Amino acid sequence: MDELDSMTSIQSPLCVIPNNNGTHQLHTFTDASMSEIAAIVYVRTTNADGLFTSRYVISKTKVAPIKQLSIPKLDLEKATLGAELAGFCESEITTTIISKHFWTDSTATFG
């Protein structure tokens, strides 16, 4: 509560892509545990000077199924959630996305 006063200095930009003069990439991070599945998508913009910005686009969490799944199955569930979110973002963002990157801590999703 003591730090609540400093919250007024935090700013969150409304514009996801600050300019159309750069190149844009989607970066999707996924994670899962026995109780949850989560994915988050960022857009990374690199301008002509080589400087980049990274902005939050969307995230989603799900409660893991009541029936216990194995860790590899949960890893595939999180990869599916991440792919769905990235696909949604790519369809909604009006500028060209030059590449999509998916980040996971699981080798079960490679294949």
N, C-alpha and C. Protein backbone atom coordinates (compact mmCIF):
# COMPACT_ATOMS: atom_id res chain seq x y z
N MET A 1 0.82 -1.19 0.00
CA MET A 1 0.00 0.00 0.00
C MET A 1 0.87 1.26 0.00
N ASP A 2 2.07 1.15 0.62
CA ASP A 2 2.94 2.31 0.66
C ASP A 2 3.41 2.73 -0.73
N GLU A 3 3.49 1.78 -1.65
CA GLU A 3 3.97 2.06 -3.00
C GLU A 3 2.85 2.45 -3.96
N LEU A 4 1.64 2.49 -3.49
CA LEU A 4 0.50 2.80 -4.34
C LEU A 4 0.60 4.18 -4.97
N ASP A 5 1.18 5.13 -4.26
CA ASP A 5 1.33 6.49 -4.80
C ASP A 5 2.21 6.52 -6.04
N SER A 6 3.17 5.61 -6.13
CA SER A 6 4.05 5.59 -7.30
C SER A 6 3.36 5.01 -8.53
N MET A 7 2.20 4.43 -8.37
CA MET A 7 1.46 3.86 -9.49
C MET A 7 1.04 4.93 -10.51
N THR A 8 0.95 6.16 -10.09
CA THR A 8 0.56 7.23 -11.02
C THR A 8 1.62 7.48 -12.08
N SER A 9 2.85 7.05 -11.82
CA SER A 9 3.92 7.29 -12.78
C SER A 9 4.04 6.16 -13.81
N ILE A 10 3.27 5.09 -13.67
CA ILE A 10 3.31 3.97 -14.61
C ILE A 10 2.42 4.32 -15.80
N GLN A 11 2.97 4.13 -17.00
CA GLN A 11 2.21 4.40 -18.22
C GLN A 11 2.13 3.13 -19.05
N SER A 12 0.99 2.93 -19.65
CA SER A 12 0.80 1.80 -20.54
C SER A 12 0.30 2.33 -21.88
N PRO A 13 1.12 2.22 -22.94
CA PRO A 13 0.70 2.77 -24.23
C PRO A 13 -0.48 1.99 -24.82
N LEU A 14 -1.39 2.71 -25.44
CA LEU A 14 -2.55 2.06 -26.05
C LEU A 14 -2.24 1.51 -27.43
N CYS A 15 -1.26 2.08 -28.08
CA CYS A 15 -0.91 1.67 -29.45
C CYS A 15 0.00 0.43 -29.38
N VAL A 16 -0.42 -0.66 -30.00
CA VAL A 16 0.38 -1.88 -29.99
C VAL A 16 1.58 -1.76 -30.91
N ILE A 17 1.36 -1.21 -32.10
CA ILE A 17 2.45 -1.03 -33.07
C ILE A 17 2.68 0.47 -33.22
N PRO A 18 3.79 0.98 -32.67
CA PRO A 18 4.00 2.43 -32.63
C PRO A 18 4.16 3.09 -33.99
N ASN A 19 4.69 2.38 -34.98
CA ASN A 19 4.80 2.94 -36.33
C ASN A 19 4.83 1.81 -37.34
N ASN A 20 4.48 2.15 -38.55
CA ASN A 20 4.47 1.14 -39.61
C ASN A 20 5.76 1.14 -40.41
N ASN A 21 6.76 1.91 -39.98
CA ASN A 21 8.01 2.03 -40.73
C ASN A 21 9.03 0.97 -40.36
N GLY A 22 8.71 0.09 -39.45
CA GLY A 22 9.66 -0.93 -39.03
C GLY A 22 9.23 -2.32 -39.45
N THR A 23 9.95 -3.30 -38.94
CA THR A 23 9.58 -4.70 -39.16
C THR A 23 8.97 -5.23 -37.88
N HIS A 24 8.02 -6.13 -38.02
CA HIS A 24 7.26 -6.61 -36.87
C HIS A 24 7.33 -8.13 -36.76
N GLN A 25 7.54 -8.58 -35.55
CA GLN A 25 7.59 -10.02 -35.25
C GLN A 25 6.60 -10.31 -34.13
N LEU A 26 6.03 -11.51 -34.14
CA LEU A 26 5.23 -11.97 -33.01
C LEU A 26 6.06 -12.93 -32.18
N HIS A 27 6.04 -12.75 -30.88
CA HIS A 27 6.72 -13.65 -29.95
C HIS A 27 5.67 -14.19 -28.98
N THR A 28 5.52 -15.51 -28.97
CA THR A 28 4.52 -16.16 -28.14
C THR A 28 5.21 -17.04 -27.11
N PHE A 29 4.87 -16.83 -25.85
CA PHE A 29 5.44 -17.61 -24.74
C PHE A 29 4.33 -18.46 -24.15
N THR A 30 4.63 -19.71 -23.84
CA THR A 30 3.64 -20.62 -23.26
C THR A 30 4.20 -21.31 -22.03
N ASP A 31 3.29 -21.70 -21.15
CA ASP A 31 3.69 -22.44 -19.95
C ASP A 31 2.49 -23.24 -19.48
N ALA A 32 2.78 -24.30 -18.75
CA ALA A 32 1.71 -25.14 -18.20
C ALA A 32 2.19 -25.77 -16.90
N SER A 33 1.23 -26.06 -16.06
CA SER A 33 1.49 -26.83 -14.84
C SER A 33 0.33 -27.80 -14.70
N MET A 34 0.30 -28.54 -13.64
CA MET A 34 -0.78 -29.50 -13.45
C MET A 34 -2.12 -28.79 -13.22
N SER A 35 -2.09 -27.49 -12.92
CA SER A 35 -3.33 -26.78 -12.62
C SER A 35 -3.70 -25.70 -13.64
N GLU A 36 -2.77 -25.30 -14.51
CA GLU A 36 -3.09 -24.22 -15.44
C GLU A 36 -2.31 -24.35 -16.75
N ILE A 37 -2.84 -23.67 -17.76
CA ILE A 37 -2.19 -23.55 -19.07
C ILE A 37 -2.24 -22.07 -19.43
N ALA A 38 -1.14 -21.51 -19.94
CA ALA A 38 -1.11 -20.09 -20.24
C ALA A 38 -0.30 -19.79 -21.48
N ALA A 39 -0.68 -18.71 -22.16
CA ALA A 39 0.07 -18.22 -23.32
C ALA A 39 -0.03 -16.71 -23.35
N ILE A 40 1.02 -16.05 -23.83
CA ILE A 40 1.05 -14.60 -23.96
C ILE A 40 1.77 -14.24 -25.25
N VAL A 41 1.27 -13.21 -25.93
CA VAL A 41 1.83 -12.80 -27.22
C VAL A 41 2.29 -11.35 -27.12
N TYR A 42 3.49 -11.10 -27.63
CA TYR A 42 4.06 -9.76 -27.74
C TYR A 42 4.37 -9.49 -29.21
N VAL A 43 4.31 -8.22 -29.60
CA VAL A 43 4.79 -7.84 -30.92
C VAL A 43 6.09 -7.06 -30.71
N ARG A 44 7.11 -7.43 -31.46
CA ARG A 44 8.41 -6.76 -31.38
C ARG A 44 8.61 -5.99 -32.68
N THR A 45 8.78 -4.69 -32.57
CA THR A 45 8.96 -3.82 -33.73
C THR A 45 10.39 -3.31 -33.74
N THR A 46 11.06 -3.46 -34.87
CA THR A 46 12.42 -2.93 -35.05
C THR A 46 12.34 -1.79 -36.05
N ASN A 47 12.81 -0.60 -35.65
CA ASN A 47 12.75 0.54 -36.56
C ASN A 47 14.01 0.60 -37.43
N ALA A 48 14.09 1.61 -38.29
CA ALA A 48 15.19 1.73 -39.24
C ALA A 48 16.55 1.91 -38.55
N ASP A 49 16.55 2.44 -37.32
CA ASP A 49 17.80 2.65 -36.58
C ASP A 49 18.26 1.40 -35.85
N GLY A 50 17.49 0.33 -35.94
CA GLY A 50 17.84 -0.90 -35.25
C GLY A 50 17.33 -0.97 -33.82
N LEU A 51 16.63 0.07 -33.38
CA LEU A 51 16.05 0.07 -32.04
C LEU A 51 14.72 -0.69 -32.08
N PHE A 52 14.40 -1.34 -30.99
CA PHE A 52 13.15 -2.10 -30.99
C PHE A 52 12.31 -1.79 -29.77
N THR A 53 11.02 -2.02 -29.94
CA THR A 53 10.07 -1.94 -28.84
C THR A 53 9.34 -3.27 -28.79
N SER A 54 8.93 -3.62 -27.61
CA SER A 54 8.20 -4.86 -27.42
C SER A 54 6.92 -4.50 -26.67
N ARG A 55 5.78 -4.90 -27.23
CA ARG A 55 4.50 -4.54 -26.62
C ARG A 55 3.63 -5.77 -26.42
N TYR A 56 2.97 -5.78 -25.28
CA TYR A 56 2.01 -6.84 -24.97
C TYR A 56 0.81 -6.73 -25.91
N VAL A 57 0.36 -7.88 -26.44
CA VAL A 57 -0.81 -7.88 -27.31
C VAL A 57 -1.99 -8.59 -26.64
N ILE A 58 -1.78 -9.84 -26.24
CA ILE A 58 -2.89 -10.63 -25.69
C ILE A 58 -2.34 -11.78 -24.85
N SER A 59 -3.12 -12.23 -23.91
CA SER A 59 -2.75 -13.42 -23.14
C SER A 59 -4.03 -14.18 -22.79
N LYS A 60 -3.84 -15.44 -22.47
CA LYS A 60 -4.97 -16.27 -22.09
C LYS A 60 -4.49 -17.36 -21.15
N THR A 61 -5.31 -17.63 -20.16
CA THR A 61 -5.03 -18.74 -19.24
C THR A 61 -6.24 -19.66 -19.21
N LYS A 62 -5.96 -20.91 -18.94
CA LYS A 62 -7.02 -21.90 -18.79
C LYS A 62 -6.71 -22.76 -17.59
N VAL A 63 -7.75 -23.21 -16.95
CA VAL A 63 -7.58 -24.19 -15.88
C VAL A 63 -7.34 -25.54 -16.54
N ALA A 64 -6.38 -26.28 -16.06
CA ALA A 64 -6.11 -27.61 -16.61
C ALA A 64 -7.33 -28.51 -16.38
N PRO A 65 -7.53 -29.48 -17.26
CA PRO A 65 -8.68 -30.38 -17.10
C PRO A 65 -8.67 -31.08 -15.74
N ILE A 66 -9.87 -31.37 -15.25
CA ILE A 66 -9.99 -32.06 -13.96
C ILE A 66 -9.31 -33.42 -14.02
N LYS A 67 -9.54 -34.12 -15.14
CA LYS A 67 -8.86 -35.39 -15.34
C LYS A 67 -7.37 -35.08 -15.54
N GLN A 68 -6.54 -35.61 -14.68
CA GLN A 68 -5.11 -35.32 -14.74
C GLN A 68 -4.51 -35.77 -16.06
N LEU A 69 -3.87 -34.83 -16.75
CA LEU A 69 -3.17 -35.13 -17.99
C LEU A 69 -1.69 -35.29 -17.69
N SER A 70 -1.00 -36.01 -18.53
CA SER A 70 0.44 -36.12 -18.37
C SER A 70 1.08 -34.78 -18.76
N ILE A 71 2.30 -34.57 -18.32
CA ILE A 71 3.02 -33.34 -18.64
C ILE A 71 3.17 -33.16 -20.15
N PRO A 72 3.53 -34.19 -20.92
CA PRO A 72 3.61 -34.00 -22.38
C PRO A 72 2.28 -33.57 -23.01
N LYS A 73 1.16 -34.10 -22.51
CA LYS A 73 -0.13 -33.69 -23.05
C LYS A 73 -0.44 -32.25 -22.68
N LEU A 74 -0.09 -31.85 -21.46
CA LEU A 74 -0.27 -30.45 -21.06
C LEU A 74 0.61 -29.54 -21.92
N ASP A 75 1.82 -29.99 -22.22
CA ASP A 75 2.71 -29.20 -23.07
C ASP A 75 2.12 -29.01 -24.46
N LEU A 76 1.47 -30.03 -25.01
CA LEU A 76 0.82 -29.89 -26.30
C LEU A 76 -0.39 -28.97 -26.22
N GLU A 77 -1.10 -29.01 -25.10
CA GLU A 77 -2.24 -28.11 -24.90
C GLU A 77 -1.77 -26.65 -24.88
N LYS A 78 -0.65 -26.38 -24.18
CA LYS A 78 -0.16 -25.00 -24.12
C LYS A 78 0.35 -24.55 -25.48
N ALA A 79 0.96 -25.45 -26.25
CA ALA A 79 1.43 -25.09 -27.59
C ALA A 79 0.24 -24.77 -28.49
N THR A 80 -0.84 -25.53 -28.36
CA THR A 80 -2.05 -25.27 -29.15
C THR A 80 -2.64 -23.92 -28.79
N LEU A 81 -2.72 -23.62 -27.51
CA LEU A 81 -3.24 -22.32 -27.06
C LEU A 81 -2.38 -21.18 -27.61
N GLY A 82 -1.07 -21.32 -27.55
CA GLY A 82 -0.16 -20.30 -28.07
C GLY A 82 -0.32 -20.11 -29.57
N ALA A 83 -0.45 -21.20 -30.31
CA ALA A 83 -0.62 -21.12 -31.76
C ALA A 83 -1.94 -20.45 -32.12
N GLU A 84 -2.99 -20.75 -31.38
CA GLU A 84 -4.28 -20.11 -31.62
C GLU A 84 -4.21 -18.60 -31.38
N LEU A 85 -3.58 -18.20 -30.28
CA LEU A 85 -3.45 -16.77 -29.98
C LEU A 85 -2.61 -16.05 -31.02
N ALA A 86 -1.51 -16.66 -31.43
CA ALA A 86 -0.64 -16.04 -32.45
C ALA A 86 -1.39 -15.92 -33.77
N GLY A 87 -2.14 -16.94 -34.15
CA GLY A 87 -2.93 -16.88 -35.37
C GLY A 87 -3.98 -15.79 -35.32
N PHE A 88 -4.63 -15.65 -34.16
CA PHE A 88 -5.63 -14.59 -33.97
C PHE A 88 -4.97 -13.22 -34.12
N CYS A 89 -3.82 -13.03 -33.48
CA CYS A 89 -3.12 -11.75 -33.56
C CYS A 89 -2.72 -11.43 -34.99
N GLU A 90 -2.18 -12.40 -35.68
CA GLU A 90 -1.74 -12.18 -37.06
C GLU A 90 -2.92 -11.80 -37.96
N SER A 91 -4.07 -12.37 -37.71
CA SER A 91 -5.24 -12.04 -38.53
C SER A 91 -5.80 -10.65 -38.20
N GLU A 92 -5.59 -10.17 -36.99
CA GLU A 92 -6.15 -8.89 -36.57
C GLU A 92 -5.20 -7.71 -36.77
N ILE A 93 -3.90 -7.95 -36.77
CA ILE A 93 -2.93 -6.88 -36.95
C ILE A 93 -2.85 -6.57 -38.45
N THR A 94 -3.00 -5.29 -38.79
CA THR A 94 -3.10 -4.92 -40.20
C THR A 94 -1.75 -4.73 -40.88
N THR A 95 -0.67 -4.69 -40.14
CA THR A 95 0.65 -4.57 -40.76
C THR A 95 1.24 -5.96 -41.00
N THR A 96 2.29 -6.04 -41.79
CA THR A 96 2.91 -7.31 -42.13
C THR A 96 3.76 -7.81 -40.96
N ILE A 97 3.54 -9.06 -40.59
CA ILE A 97 4.36 -9.73 -39.58
C ILE A 97 5.40 -10.54 -40.34
N ILE A 98 6.69 -10.21 -40.13
CA ILE A 98 7.74 -10.89 -40.91
C ILE A 98 8.08 -12.27 -40.36
N SER A 99 7.85 -12.48 -39.05
CA SER A 99 8.14 -13.80 -38.49
C SER A 99 7.37 -14.00 -37.19
N LYS A 100 7.15 -15.27 -36.88
CA LYS A 100 6.51 -15.64 -35.62
C LYS A 100 7.48 -16.54 -34.86
N HIS A 101 7.63 -16.29 -33.57
CA HIS A 101 8.52 -17.07 -32.72
C HIS A 101 7.71 -17.64 -31.56
N PHE A 102 7.92 -18.91 -31.29
CA PHE A 102 7.22 -19.58 -30.19
C PHE A 102 8.23 -20.04 -29.17
N TRP A 103 8.03 -19.64 -27.93
CA TRP A 103 8.96 -19.93 -26.84
C TRP A 103 8.30 -20.88 -25.84
N THR A 104 8.99 -21.97 -25.55
CA THR A 104 8.47 -22.95 -24.60
C THR A 104 9.64 -23.56 -23.83
N ASP A 105 9.32 -24.14 -22.71
CA ASP A 105 10.36 -24.81 -21.92
C ASP A 105 10.27 -26.33 -22.07
N SER A 106 9.56 -26.78 -23.10
CA SER A 106 9.32 -28.20 -23.26
C SER A 106 9.88 -28.72 -24.59
N THR A 107 10.52 -29.86 -24.54
CA THR A 107 10.97 -30.50 -25.78
C THR A 107 9.89 -31.40 -26.35
N ALA A 108 8.82 -31.66 -25.60
CA ALA A 108 7.73 -32.52 -26.08
C ALA A 108 6.95 -31.86 -27.22
N THR A 109 7.02 -30.53 -27.33
CA THR A 109 6.27 -29.83 -28.36
C THR A 109 7.02 -29.75 -29.68
N PHE A 110 8.29 -30.11 -29.69
CA PHE A 110 9.04 -30.12 -30.94
C PHE A 110 8.77 -31.43 -31.66
N GLY A 111 8.62 -31.36 -32.96
CA GLY A 111 8.41 -32.63 -33.64
C GLY A 111 7.89 -32.53 -35.01
